[in-house]
C-alpha atoms as a PDB file:
ATOM      1  CA  LYS A   1     -40.018  -7.357 -66.413  1.00  0.00           C
ATOM      2  CA  HIS A   2     -37.600  -5.671 -65.089  1.00  0.00           C
ATOM      3  CA  THR A   3     -33.919  -5.357 -66.270  1.00  0.00           C
ATOM      4  CA  PHE A   4     -31.305  -4.050 -63.969  1.00  0.00           C
ATOM      5  CA  ASP A   5     -28.531  -3.485 -65.986  1.00  0.00           C
ATOM      6  CA  SER A   6     -27.033  -4.637 -69.144  1.00  0.00           C
ATOM      7  CA  SER A   7     -24.765  -7.138 -67.301  1.00  0.00           C
ATOM      8  CA  GLY A   8     -27.711  -9.775 -68.215  1.00  0.00           C
ATOM      9  CA  ARG A   9     -29.564  -8.889 -64.335  1.00  0.00           C
ATOM     10  CA  GLU A  10     -33.146  -9.026 -64.899  1.00  0.00           C
ATOM     11  CA  ILE A  11     -36.907 -10.131 -62.503  1.00  0.00           C
ATOM     12  CA  THR A  12     -39.798 -10.654 -63.475  1.00  0.00           C
ATOM     13  CA  VAL A  13     -43.599 -10.864 -61.933  1.00  0.00           C
ATOM     14  CA  ASP A  14     -46.578 -12.606 -63.344  1.00  0.00           C
ATOM     15  CA  PHE A  15     -49.961 -12.697 -61.517  1.00  0.00           C
ATOM     16  CA  ASP A  16     -52.425 -14.855 -63.106  1.00  0.00           C
ATOM     17  CA  TYR A  17     -56.672 -15.015 -62.427  1.00  0.00           C
ATOM     18  CA  ILE A  18     -58.432 -18.122 -63.761  1.00  0.00           C
ATOM     19  CA  GLY A  19     -62.279 -17.587 -62.789  1.00  0.00           C
ATOM     20  CA  TYR A  20     -64.501 -20.968 -64.126  1.00  0.00           C
ATOM     21  CA  SER A  21     -68.363 -21.097 -63.352  1.00  0.00           C
ATOM     22  CA  ASN A  22     -70.675 -23.795 -64.468  1.00  0.00           C
ATOM     23  CA  SER A  23     -74.307 -24.759 -63.572  1.00  0.00           C
ATOM     24  CA  ASN A  24     -76.056 -27.987 -65.396  1.00  0.00           C
ATOM     25  CA  ASN A  25     -79.420 -29.218 -65.071  1.00  0.00           C
ATOM     26  CA  THR A  26     -79.567 -33.237 -64.829  1.00  0.00           C
ATOM     27  CA  LEU A  27     -83.144 -35.778 -65.630  1.00  0.00           C
ATOM     28  CA  LEU A  28     -82.326 -39.053 -65.384  1.00  0.00           C
ATOM     29  CA  VAL A  29     -85.023 -41.265 -66.009  1.00  0.00           C
ATOM     30  CA  THR A  30     -85.104 -44.947 -65.405  1.00  0.00           C
ATOM     31  CA  GLU A  31     -87.357 -48.229 -66.819  1.00  0.00           C
ATOM     32  CA  SER A  32     -86.934 -51.983 -66.456  1.00  0.00           C
ATOM     33  CA  PHE A  33     -88.099 -53.633 -69.265  1.00  0.00           C
ATOM     34  CA  ASP A  34     -87.739 -57.209 -69.728  1.00  0.00           C
ATOM     35  CA  GLU A  35     -87.276 -59.508 -72.805  1.00  0.00           C
ATOM     36  CA  PRO A  36     -90.207 -59.668 -74.120  1.00  0.00           C
ATOM     37  CA  GLY A  37     -90.005 -55.682 -74.055  1.00  0.00           C
ATOM     38  CA  SER A  38     -92.788 -55.210 -71.282  1.00  0.00           C
ATOM     39  CA  ILE A  39     -91.738 -52.931 -68.272  1.00  0.00           C
ATOM     40  CA  LYS A  40     -90.062 -55.161 -65.940  1.00  0.00           C
ATOM     41  CA  SER A  41     -89.841 -52.615 -62.654  1.00  0.00           C
ATOM     42  CA  GLY A  42     -91.371 -49.117 -61.988  1.00  0.00           C
ATOM     43  CA  HIS A  43     -90.229 -45.590 -63.116  1.00  0.00           C
ATOM     44  CA  PHE A  44     -87.994 -43.822 -61.714  1.00  0.00           C
ATOM     45  CA  GLU A  45     -87.113 -40.346 -61.921  1.00  0.00           C
ATOM     46  CA  LEU A  46     -83.786 -38.550 -60.680  1.00  0.00           C
ATOM     47  CA  ARG A  47     -83.240 -34.453 -61.649  1.00  0.00           C
ATOM     48  CA  GLY A  48     -80.579 -32.602 -60.534  1.00  0.00           C
ATOM     49  CA  HIS A  49     -79.255 -28.965 -60.253  1.00  0.00           C
ATOM     50  CA  ILE A  50     -75.085 -29.684 -60.140  1.00  0.00           C
ATOM     51  CA  PRO A  51     -73.253 -26.014 -59.851  1.00  0.00           C
ATOM     52  CA  GLY A  52     -69.835 -25.477 -59.544  1.00  0.00           C
ATOM     53  CA  THR A  53     -66.802 -22.805 -59.539  1.00  0.00           C
ATOM     54  CA  ILE A  54     -63.605 -23.222 -59.571  1.00  0.00           C
ATOM     55  CA  ASP A  55     -61.002 -19.895 -58.835  1.00  0.00           C
ATOM     56  CA  ILE A  56     -57.502 -20.399 -59.330  1.00  0.00           C
ATOM     57  CA  TYR A  57     -54.771 -17.411 -58.150  1.00  0.00           C
ATOM     58  CA  SER A  58     -50.995 -17.644 -59.068  1.00  0.00           C
ATOM     59  CA  ILE A  59     -48.226 -15.327 -58.633  1.00  0.00           C
ATOM     60  CA  LYS A  60     -44.927 -15.992 -59.239  1.00  0.00           C
ATOM     61  CA  SER A  61     -41.601 -14.351 -59.488  1.00  0.00           C
ATOM     62  CA  ASP A  62     -37.977 -15.579 -61.369  1.00  0.00           C
ATOM     63  CA  TYR A  63     -35.014 -13.847 -60.943  1.00  0.00           C
ATOM     64  CA  THR A  64     -31.473 -13.867 -63.426  1.00  0.00           C
ATOM     65  CA  GLN A  65     -27.861 -13.306 -62.621  1.00  0.00           C
ATOM     66  CA  THR A  66     -25.132 -13.684 -65.015  1.00  0.00           C
ATOM     67  CA  ILE A  67     -21.820 -14.470 -62.591  1.00  0.00           C
ATOM     68  CA  LYS A  68     -19.494 -14.687 -65.214  1.00  0.00           C
ATOM     69  CA  LYS A  69     -18.641 -15.462 -69.017  1.00  0.00           C
ATOM     70  CA  ASN A  70     -21.093 -18.411 -69.963  1.00  0.00           C
ATOM     71  CA  MET A  71     -22.703 -18.758 -65.433  1.00  0.00           C
ATOM     72  CA  ARG A  72     -26.125 -17.903 -64.411  1.00  0.00           C
ATOM     73  CA  PHE A  73     -27.435 -18.029 -61.866  1.00  0.00           C
ATOM     74  CA  ASP A  74     -31.214 -18.579 -61.290  1.00  0.00           C
ATOM     75  CA  ALA A  75     -34.139 -18.437 -58.710  1.00  0.00           C
ATOM     76  CA  GLY A  76     -37.370 -17.787 -58.143  1.00  0.00           C
ATOM     77  CA  PHE A  77     -41.111 -18.575 -56.358  1.00  0.00           C
ATOM     78  CA  LYS A  78     -44.469 -19.228 -57.606  1.00  0.00           C
ATOM     79  CA  LEU A  79     -47.441 -19.846 -54.870  1.00  0.00           C
ATOM     80  CA  SER A  80     -50.773 -20.604 -55.991  1.00  0.00           C
ATOM     81  CA  TYR A  81     -54.372 -21.256 -54.277  1.00  0.00           C
ATOM     82  CA  VAL A  82     -57.226 -23.247 -56.070  1.00  0.00           C
ATOM     83  CA  GLU A  83     -60.417 -23.045 -54.286  1.00  0.00           C
ATOM     84  CA  ASN A  84     -62.827 -26.125 -55.930  1.00  0.00           C
ATOM     85  CA  ASN A  85     -66.610 -25.321 -55.242  1.00  0.00           C
ATOM     86  CA  ASN A  86     -68.981 -28.365 -55.937  1.00  0.00           C
ATOM     87  CA  GLU A  87     -72.514 -28.968 -55.113  1.00  0.00           C
ATOM     88  CA  VAL A  88     -74.874 -31.691 -56.004  1.00  0.00           C
ATOM     89  CA  GLU A  89     -78.530 -31.043 -55.569  1.00  0.00           C
ATOM     90  CA  TYR A  90     -80.684 -34.086 -56.723  1.00  0.00           C
ATOM     91  CA  GLU A  91     -84.264 -34.508 -56.054  1.00  0.00           C
ATOM     92  CA  ARG A  92     -86.505 -38.281 -57.022  1.00  0.00           C
ATOM     93  CA  LYS A  93     -89.783 -37.817 -58.013  1.00  0.00           C
ATOM     94  CA  THR A  94     -92.685 -39.391 -55.935  1.00  0.00           C
ATOM     95  CA  GLY A  95     -95.938 -39.723 -55.415  1.00  0.00           C
ATOM     96  CA  ASN A  96     -96.451 -36.964 -53.872  1.00  0.00           C
ATOM     97  CA  GLY A  97     -93.790 -34.276 -55.716  1.00  0.00           C
ATOM     98  CA  TRP A  98     -89.913 -33.694 -56.234  1.00  0.00           C
ATOM     99  CA  VAL A  99     -88.251 -34.668 -52.420  1.00  0.00           C
ATOM    100  CA  LYS A 100     -84.297 -34.446 -51.767  1.00  0.00           C
ATOM    101  CA  ASP A 101     -82.507 -37.376 -52.296  1.00  0.00           C
ATOM    102  CA  ASP A 102     -79.720 -38.608 -50.589  1.00  0.00           C
ATOM    103  CA  ARG A 103     -76.945 -38.799 -53.945  1.00  0.00           C
ATOM    104  CA  SER A 104     -77.156 -34.628 -52.751  1.00  0.00           C
ATOM    105  CA  ASN A 105     -73.883 -33.466 -52.139  1.00  0.00           C
ATOM    106  CA  HIS A 106     -71.658 -29.992 -50.829  1.00  0.00           C
ATOM    107  CA  PHE A 107     -67.565 -30.400 -51.933  1.00  0.00           C
ATOM    108  CA  ILE A 108     -65.156 -27.738 -51.717  1.00  0.00           C
ATOM    109  CA  TYR A 109     -61.686 -27.972 -52.009  1.00  0.00           C
ATOM    110  CA  GLU A 110     -58.840 -25.617 -51.441  1.00  0.00           C
ATOM    111  CA  GLU A 111     -55.578 -26.038 -52.323  1.00  0.00           C
ATOM    112  CA  ASN A 112     -52.559 -24.008 -51.590  1.00  0.00           C
ATOM    113  CA  ILE A 113     -48.917 -24.442 -53.197  1.00  0.00           C
ATOM    114  CA  ASN A 114     -45.608 -22.414 -51.945  1.00  0.00           C
ATOM    115  CA  ALA A 115     -42.014 -23.523 -54.439  1.00  0.00           C
ATOM    116  CA  ALA A 116     -39.398 -21.656 -54.652  1.00  0.00           C
ATOM    117  CA  TYR A 117     -35.970 -22.768 -56.325  1.00  0.00           C
ATOM    118  CA  VAL A 118     -32.165 -21.486 -57.398  1.00  0.00           C
ATOM    119  CA  SER A 119     -30.524 -22.884 -60.519  1.00  0.00           C
ATOM    120  CA  ILE A 120     -26.903 -22.300 -61.714  1.00  0.00           C
ATOM    121  CA  ASN A 121     -26.460 -23.140 -65.794  1.00  0.00           C
ATOM    122  CA  LYS A 122     -22.156 -23.095 -67.441  1.00  0.00           C
ATOM    123  CA  LYS A 123     -22.257 -23.385 -71.254  1.00  0.00           C
ATOM    124  CA  TRP A 124     -18.843 -24.378 -73.016  1.00  0.00           C
ATOM    125  CA  LYS A 125     -18.662 -24.592 -76.928  1.00  0.00           C
ATOM    126  CA  LYS A 126     -21.573 -27.604 -77.190  1.00  0.00           C
ATOM    127  CA  PHE A 127     -22.031 -28.500 -73.767  1.00  0.00           C
ATOM    128  CA  SER A 128     -24.039 -26.808 -70.892  1.00  0.00           C
ATOM    129  CA  ALA A 129     -24.638 -27.893 -67.699  1.00  0.00           C
ATOM    130  CA  GLN A 130     -27.084 -26.993 -64.886  1.00  0.00           C
ATOM    131  CA  THR A 131     -28.085 -27.249 -61.549  1.00  0.00           C
ATOM    132  CA  GLY A 132     -30.768 -27.208 -58.961  1.00  0.00           C
ATOM    133  CA  LEU A 133     -33.105 -27.353 -56.073  1.00  0.00           C
ATOM    134  CA  ARG A 134     -36.282 -26.515 -55.528  1.00  0.00           C
ATOM    135  CA  MET A 135     -38.249 -27.113 -52.745  1.00  0.00           C
ATOM    136  CA  GLU A 136     -42.389 -27.270 -52.889  1.00  0.00           C
ATOM    137  CA  ASN A 137     -44.649 -27.163 -49.748  1.00  0.00           C
ATOM    138  CA  THR A 138     -48.787 -28.022 -50.648  1.00  0.00           C
ATOM    139  CA  ILE A 139     -51.552 -27.273 -48.229  1.00  0.00           C
ATOM    140  CA  ALA A 140     -54.653 -29.224 -49.367  1.00  0.00           C
ATOM    141  CA  LYS A 141     -58.498 -28.819 -47.386  1.00  0.00           C
ATOM    142  CA  GLY A 142     -61.649 -30.838 -48.189  1.00  0.00           C
ATOM    143  CA  ARG A 143     -64.931 -30.309 -46.841  1.00  0.00           C
ATOM    144  CA  GLN A 144     -67.734 -32.191 -47.445  1.00  0.00           C
ATOM    145  CA  ILE A 145     -70.692 -29.787 -46.156  1.00  0.00           C
ATOM    146  CA  THR A 146     -73.435 -32.321 -46.696  1.00  0.00           C
ATOM    147  CA  ASN A 147     -72.290 -34.691 -43.980  1.00  0.00           C
ATOM    148  CA  ASP A 148     -69.396 -32.654 -42.401  1.00  0.00           C
ATOM    149  CA  SER A 149     -66.436 -33.892 -42.894  1.00  0.00           C
ATOM    150  CA  SER A 150     -63.366 -33.261 -43.679  1.00  0.00           C
ATOM    151  CA  PHE A 151     -59.609 -33.174 -44.494  1.00  0.00           C
ATOM    152  CA  THR A 152     -56.220 -31.227 -44.060  1.00  0.00           C
ATOM    153  CA  ARG A 153     -53.002 -32.420 -46.057  1.00  0.00           C
ATOM    154  CA  ASN A 154     -49.565 -30.477 -46.187  1.00  0.00           C
ATOM    155  CA  TYR A 155     -46.262 -31.887 -46.643  1.00  0.00           C
ATOM    156  CA  THR A 156     -42.763 -30.444 -48.362  1.00  0.00           C
ATOM    157  CA  GLY A 157     -41.019 -31.969 -50.839  1.00  0.00           C
ATOM    158  CA  LEU A 158     -37.082 -31.075 -51.927  1.00  0.00           C
ATOM    159  CA  PHE A 159     -37.131 -31.964 -55.692  1.00  0.00           C
ATOM    160  CA  PRO A 160     -33.157 -31.504 -57.319  1.00  0.00           C
ATOM    161  CA  THR A 161     -32.182 -31.348 -60.468  1.00  0.00           C
ATOM    162  CA  ALA A 162     -28.698 -31.993 -62.940  1.00  0.00           C
ATOM    163  CA  TYR A 163     -29.148 -31.698 -66.845  1.00  0.00           C
ATOM    164  CA  VAL A 164     -25.776 -32.087 -69.435  1.00  0.00           C
ATOM    165  CA  ASN A 165     -26.531 -31.367 -72.803  1.00  0.00           C
ATOM    166  CA  TYR A 166     -24.759 -31.315 -75.324  1.00  0.00           C
ATOM    167  CA  GLU A 167     -25.333 -29.641 -78.634  1.00  0.00           C
ATOM    168  CA  VAL A 168     -24.669 -31.676 -81.955  1.00  0.00           C
ATOM    169  CA  ASN A 169     -25.225 -28.309 -84.394  1.00  0.00           C
ATOM    170  CA  LYS A 170     -27.496 -24.932 -84.230  1.00  0.00           C
ATOM    171  CA  ASN A 171     -29.999 -27.298 -85.395  1.00  0.00           C
ATOM    172  CA  HIS A 172     -29.832 -29.938 -82.998  1.00  0.00           C
END
Protein backbone atom coordinates (compact mmCIF):
# COMPACT_ATOMS: atom_id res chain seq x y z
CA LYS A 1 0.00 0.00 0.00
CA HIS A 2 1.30 3.43 -0.91
CA THR A 3 -0.33 6.73 0.08
CA PHE A 4 0.81 9.48 -2.28
CA ASP A 5 -0.16 12.48 -0.15
CA SER A 6 -2.85 13.72 2.25
CA SER A 7 -5.33 14.35 -0.61
CA GLY A 8 -6.62 10.76 -0.46
CA ARG A 9 -4.64 9.21 -3.32
CA GLU A 10 -3.42 5.68 -2.68
CA ILE A 11 -2.57 2.49 -4.48
CA THR A 12 -2.50 -1.08 -3.21
CA VAL A 13 -1.00 -4.17 -4.84
CA ASP A 14 -1.55 -7.74 -3.63
CA PHE A 15 -0.09 -11.00 -4.88
CA ASP A 16 -1.50 -14.33 -3.70
CA TYR A 17 -0.55 -17.96 -4.28
CA ILE A 18 -2.34 -21.07 -3.08
CA GLY A 19 -0.93 -24.52 -3.73
CA TYR A 20 -2.83 -27.70 -2.96
CA SER A 21 -1.93 -31.31 -3.57
CA ASN A 22 -3.63 -34.51 -2.63
CA SER A 23 -3.03 -38.19 -3.24
CA ASN A 24 -5.51 -40.92 -2.32
CA ASN A 25 -5.46 -44.66 -2.69
CA THR A 26 -8.80 -46.46 -2.82
CA LEU A 27 -9.99 -50.04 -2.85
CA LEU A 28 -13.51 -50.93 -3.97
CA VAL A 29 -14.77 -54.46 -3.36
CA THR A 30 -18.13 -55.44 -4.87
CA GLU A 31 -20.15 -58.60 -4.22
CA SER A 32 -23.83 -59.19 -5.01
CA PHE A 33 -26.00 -61.33 -2.75
CA ASP A 34 -29.43 -62.92 -3.23
CA GLU A 35 -32.18 -62.63 -0.62
CA PRO A 36 -31.11 -65.59 1.51
CA GLY A 37 -27.61 -64.09 1.69
CA SER A 38 -25.73 -66.26 -0.75
CA ILE A 39 -23.29 -64.65 -3.18
CA LYS A 40 -25.18 -64.07 -6.43
CA SER A 41 -22.32 -62.94 -8.63
CA GLY A 42 -18.55 -62.99 -8.42
CA HIS A 43 -16.17 -60.96 -6.37
CA PHE A 44 -14.95 -57.73 -8.05
CA GLU A 45 -12.03 -55.57 -6.85
CA LEU A 46 -10.98 -52.18 -8.17
CA ARG A 47 -8.09 -50.20 -6.74
CA GLY A 48 -7.24 -46.63 -7.55
CA HIS A 49 -4.48 -44.12 -7.13
CA ILE A 50 -5.87 -40.56 -7.33
CA PRO A 51 -3.25 -37.78 -7.25
CA GLY A 52 -4.19 -34.16 -7.89
CA THR A 53 -2.73 -30.67 -7.67
CA ILE A 54 -4.27 -27.21 -7.77
CA ASP A 55 -2.22 -24.02 -8.16
CA ILE A 56 -3.87 -20.59 -7.92
CA TYR A 57 -2.03 -17.34 -8.64
CA SER A 58 -3.54 -13.86 -8.48
CA ILE A 59 -2.38 -10.27 -8.55
CA LYS A 60 -4.60 -7.26 -8.01
CA SER A 61 -4.18 -3.54 -7.70
CA ASP A 62 -6.57 -0.80 -6.59
CA TYR A 63 -6.20 2.95 -7.00
CA THR A 64 -8.25 5.47 -4.99
CA GLN A 65 -8.38 9.22 -5.42
CA THR A 66 -10.55 11.84 -3.76
CA ILE A 67 -11.89 14.06 -6.54
CA LYS A 68 -13.54 16.67 -4.34
CA LYS A 69 -15.15 16.74 -0.92
CA ASN A 70 -17.22 13.57 -0.39
CA MET A 71 -16.48 12.23 -3.90
CA ARG A 72 -14.08 9.39 -4.68
CA PHE A 73 -12.78 7.70 -7.83
CA ASP A 74 -11.67 4.05 -7.72
CA ALA A 75 -10.06 1.89 -10.39
CA GLY A 76 -8.30 -1.42 -10.37
CA PHE A 77 -7.55 -4.74 -11.97
CA LYS A 78 -7.19 -8.39 -10.99
CA LEU A 79 -5.48 -11.17 -12.91
CA SER A 80 -5.85 -14.78 -11.78
CA TYR A 81 -4.58 -18.08 -13.11
CA VAL A 82 -5.67 -21.54 -11.94
CA GLU A 83 -4.23 -24.90 -12.96
CA ASN A 84 -5.95 -28.08 -11.81
CA ASN A 85 -4.23 -31.39 -12.64
CA ASN A 86 -6.22 -34.51 -11.68
CA GLU A 87 -5.38 -38.08 -12.47
CA VAL A 88 -7.30 -41.25 -11.71
CA GLU A 89 -5.39 -44.51 -12.19
CA TYR A 90 -7.63 -47.57 -11.73
CA GLU A 91 -6.69 -51.23 -11.89
CA ARG A 92 -9.04 -54.22 -11.56
CA LYS A 93 -8.12 -57.58 -10.15
CA THR A 94 -8.18 -60.51 -12.53
CA GLY A 95 -7.07 -64.10 -12.26
CA ASN A 96 -3.68 -63.00 -13.66
CA GLY A 97 -3.21 -60.06 -11.23
CA TRP A 98 -3.98 -56.35 -11.54
CA VAL A 99 -4.66 -54.82 -15.00
CA LYS A 100 -5.34 -51.22 -16.00
CA ASP A 101 -9.06 -50.39 -15.99
CA ASP A 102 -10.91 -48.25 -18.56
CA ARG A 103 -12.14 -45.95 -15.77
CA SER A 104 -8.65 -44.38 -15.57
CA ASN A 105 -8.44 -40.77 -16.64
CA HIS A 106 -6.14 -37.71 -16.56
CA PHE A 107 -7.61 -34.21 -16.84
CA ILE A 108 -5.83 -30.84 -16.81
CA TYR A 109 -7.82 -27.60 -16.48
CA GLU A 110 -6.42 -24.07 -16.85
CA GLU A 111 -8.34 -20.86 -16.27
CA ASN A 112 -7.18 -17.26 -16.65
CA ILE A 113 -9.51 -14.45 -15.53
CA ASN A 114 -8.60 -10.82 -16.24
CA ALA A 115 -10.78 -8.07 -14.78
CA ALA A 116 -10.65 -4.27 -14.57
CA TYR A 117 -13.05 -1.77 -13.03
CA VAL A 118 -13.75 1.92 -12.52
CA SER A 119 -16.23 3.51 -10.11
CA ILE A 120 -17.26 6.84 -8.66
CA ASN A 121 -18.66 7.20 -5.16
CA LYS A 122 -20.43 10.33 -3.84
CA LYS A 123 -21.75 11.04 -0.32
CA TRP A 124 -24.34 13.61 0.79
CA LYS A 125 -25.22 13.73 4.49
CA LYS A 126 -27.18 10.47 4.97
CA PHE A 127 -27.21 9.42 1.30
CA SER A 128 -24.45 7.93 -0.79
CA ALA A 129 -24.34 6.66 -4.37
CA GLN A 130 -21.91 4.67 -6.43
CA THR A 131 -21.76 3.82 -10.10
CA GLY A 132 -19.20 1.74 -11.90
CA LEU A 133 -18.29 -0.63 -14.68
CA ARG A 134 -16.29 -3.87 -14.57
CA MET A 135 -14.96 -5.74 -17.59
CA GLU A 136 -14.02 -9.39 -17.21
CA ASN A 137 -12.34 -11.74 -19.66
CA THR A 138 -12.13 -15.49 -19.04
CA ILE A 139 -9.99 -17.97 -20.94
CA ALA A 140 -10.54 -21.60 -19.94
CA LYS A 141 -8.84 -24.69 -21.36
CA GLY A 142 -9.49 -28.31 -20.49
CA ARG A 143 -7.54 -31.28 -21.75
CA GLN A 144 -8.34 -34.90 -21.14
CA ILE A 145 -5.09 -36.77 -21.71
CA THR A 146 -6.59 -40.28 -21.65
CA ASN A 147 -8.73 -39.89 -24.78
CA ASP A 148 -6.89 -36.87 -26.25
CA SER A 149 -9.84 -34.46 -26.17
CA SER A 150 -9.86 -30.79 -25.25
CA PHE A 151 -11.90 -27.61 -25.16
CA THR A 152 -11.20 -23.88 -25.05
CA ARG A 153 -13.57 -21.11 -23.99
CA ASN A 154 -12.84 -17.41 -24.30
CA TYR A 155 -15.44 -14.80 -23.41
CA THR A 156 -15.64 -11.21 -22.21
CA GLY A 157 -18.42 -9.52 -20.25
CA LEU A 158 -19.27 -6.02 -19.05
CA PHE A 159 -20.92 -5.58 -15.65
CA PRO A 160 -22.37 -2.16 -14.82
CA THR A 161 -23.28 -1.36 -11.21
CA ALA A 162 -25.23 1.36 -9.42
CA TYR A 163 -25.99 1.72 -5.71
CA VAL A 164 -27.91 4.20 -3.59
CA ASN A 165 -27.65 3.99 0.20
CA TYR A 166 -29.41 5.77 3.02
CA GLU A 167 -27.89 5.75 6.51
CA VAL A 168 -30.74 5.79 9.05
CA ASN A 169 -28.28 6.28 11.91
CA LYS A 170 -24.70 5.33 12.79
CA ASN A 171 -25.75 1.74 13.64
CA HIS A 172 -28.12 1.14 10.70
